[in-house]
C-alpha atoms as a PDB file:
ATOM      1  CA  MET A   1      -0.027   0.022  -0.028  1.00  0.00           C
ATOM      2  CA  SER A   2       1.312   3.481  -0.728  1.00  0.00           C
ATOM      3  CA  GLU A   3       1.986   6.150   1.660  1.00  0.00           C
ATOM      4  CA  PRO A   4      -0.688   8.706   2.511  1.00  0.00           C
ATOM      5  CA  HIS A   5      -0.808  12.107   0.798  1.00  0.00           C
ATOM      6  CA  PRO A   6       0.968  14.863   2.556  1.00  0.00           C
ATOM      7  CA  ILE A   7      -0.860  16.824   5.225  1.00  0.00           C
ATOM      8  CA  GLU A   8      -0.188  20.061   3.504  1.00  0.00           C
ATOM      9  CA  LEU A   9      -1.989  18.812   0.354  1.00  0.00           C
ATOM     10  CA  ARG A  10      -4.914  17.567   2.321  1.00  0.00           C
ATOM     11  CA  GLU A  11      -5.182  20.994   3.989  1.00  0.00           C
ATOM     12  CA  ARG A  12      -5.113  22.899   0.711  1.00  0.00           C
ATOM     13  CA  VAL A  13      -7.696  20.699  -0.747  1.00  0.00           C
ATOM     14  CA  VAL A  14     -10.134  21.077   2.122  1.00  0.00           C
ATOM     15  CA  LYS A  15      -9.443  24.835   2.261  1.00  0.00           C
ATOM     16  CA  ALA A  16     -10.252  25.121  -1.415  1.00  0.00           C
ATOM     17  CA  TYR A  17     -13.570  23.242  -0.987  1.00  0.00           C
ATOM     18  CA  GLU A  18     -14.622  25.028   2.142  1.00  0.00           C
ATOM     19  CA  GLY A  19     -13.622  28.338   0.553  1.00  0.00           C
ATOM     20  CA  GLY A  20     -16.220  27.757  -2.165  1.00  0.00           C
ATOM     21  CA  GLU A  21     -13.770  27.319  -5.030  1.00  0.00           C
ATOM     22  CA  GLY A  22     -15.891  24.502  -6.567  1.00  0.00           C
ATOM     23  CA  ALA A  23     -17.766  21.239  -6.091  1.00  0.00           C
ATOM     24  CA  TYR A  24     -16.010  18.030  -5.142  1.00  0.00           C
ATOM     25  CA  HIS A  25     -15.279  17.028  -8.772  1.00  0.00           C
ATOM     26  CA  VAL A  26     -13.922  20.520  -9.569  1.00  0.00           C
ATOM     27  CA  ILE A  27     -11.506  20.405  -6.547  1.00  0.00           C
ATOM     28  CA  ALA A  28     -10.544  16.900  -7.454  1.00  0.00           C
ATOM     29  CA  ALA A  29      -9.659  17.981 -10.955  1.00  0.00           C
ATOM     30  CA  MET A  30      -7.670  21.049  -9.703  1.00  0.00           C
ATOM     31  CA  PHE A  31      -5.562  18.802  -7.531  1.00  0.00           C
ATOM     32  CA  SER A  32      -5.401  15.640  -9.835  1.00  0.00           C
ATOM     33  CA  LEU A  33      -7.198  13.589  -7.163  1.00  0.00           C
ATOM     34  CA  GLY A  34     -10.216  11.361  -7.162  1.00  0.00           C
ATOM     35  CA  GLU A  35     -13.593  12.956  -6.235  1.00  0.00           C
ATOM     36  CA  ALA A  36     -14.010  10.282  -3.432  1.00  0.00           C
ATOM     37  CA  THR A  37     -10.767  11.305  -1.893  1.00  0.00           C
ATOM     38  CA  VAL A  38     -11.823  15.014  -1.638  1.00  0.00           C
ATOM     39  CA  LYS A  39     -15.148  13.871  -0.022  1.00  0.00           C
ATOM     40  CA  ARG A  40     -13.310  11.820   2.485  1.00  0.00           C
ATOM     41  CA  TRP A  41     -10.875  14.471   3.413  1.00  0.00           C
ATOM     42  CA  VAL A  42     -13.731  17.105   3.771  1.00  0.00           C
ATOM     43  CA  TRP A  43     -15.725  14.538   5.853  1.00  0.00           C
ATOM     44  CA  ARG A  44     -12.766  13.867   8.031  1.00  0.00           C
ATOM     45  CA  PHE A  45     -12.081  17.572   8.640  1.00  0.00           C
ATOM     46  CA  ARG A  46     -15.725  18.277   9.522  1.00  0.00           C
ATOM     47  CA  GLU A  47     -15.950  15.244  11.868  1.00  0.00           C
ATOM     48  CA  ARG A  48     -12.487  15.437  13.563  1.00  0.00           C
ATOM     49  CA  GLY A  49     -11.343  18.960  12.918  1.00  0.00           C
ATOM     50  CA  SER A  50      -8.190  17.570  11.261  1.00  0.00           C
ATOM     51  CA  VAL A  51      -7.142  15.964   8.082  1.00  0.00           C
ATOM     52  CA  VAL A  52      -4.382  13.709   9.569  1.00  0.00           C
ATOM     53  CA  PRO A  53      -4.701  10.247   8.236  1.00  0.00           C
ATOM     54  CA  THR A  54      -5.432   7.354  10.554  1.00  0.00           C
ATOM     55  CA  PRO A  55      -2.627   4.870  11.280  1.00  0.00           C
ATOM     56  CA  LYS A  56      -2.261   1.939   8.874  1.00  0.00           C
ATOM     57  CA  GLY A  57      -3.677  -1.277  10.297  1.00  0.00           C
ATOM     58  CA  GLY A  58      -4.692  -4.793   9.487  1.00  0.00           C
ATOM     59  CA  GLY A  59      -2.832  -7.083   7.164  1.00  0.00           C
ATOM     60  CA  THR A  60      -1.608 -10.575   7.721  1.00  0.00           C
ATOM     61  CA  PRO A  61       0.952 -10.993  10.519  1.00  0.00           C
ATOM     62  CA  SER A  62       4.154 -12.676   9.590  1.00  0.00           C
ATOM     63  CA  ALA A  63       4.475 -16.320  10.585  1.00  0.00           C
ATOM     64  CA  ILE A  64       8.152 -15.845  10.951  1.00  0.00           C
ATOM     65  CA  GLY A  65       9.023 -15.497  14.718  1.00  0.00           C
ATOM     66  CA  ALA A  66       5.451 -16.292  15.824  1.00  0.00           C
ATOM     67  CA  SER A  67       6.474 -19.687  17.098  1.00  0.00           C
ATOM     68  CA  GLU A  68       8.437 -18.290  20.071  1.00  0.00           C
END
């Protein structure tokens, strides 16, 4: 899985949307992002007051060293 987008980019995107610079699809095109990504970041900002990504989680634990 790739690394999360930089916080600075997330903040600029949310600021553009909240500032009325366009709808989700317009903002997404401005920053070369997917529309759903913009929606998630705006939602996260409105719900949490921050655009910081949640820590990565899940995945399959390695079997190496598990039999200690």
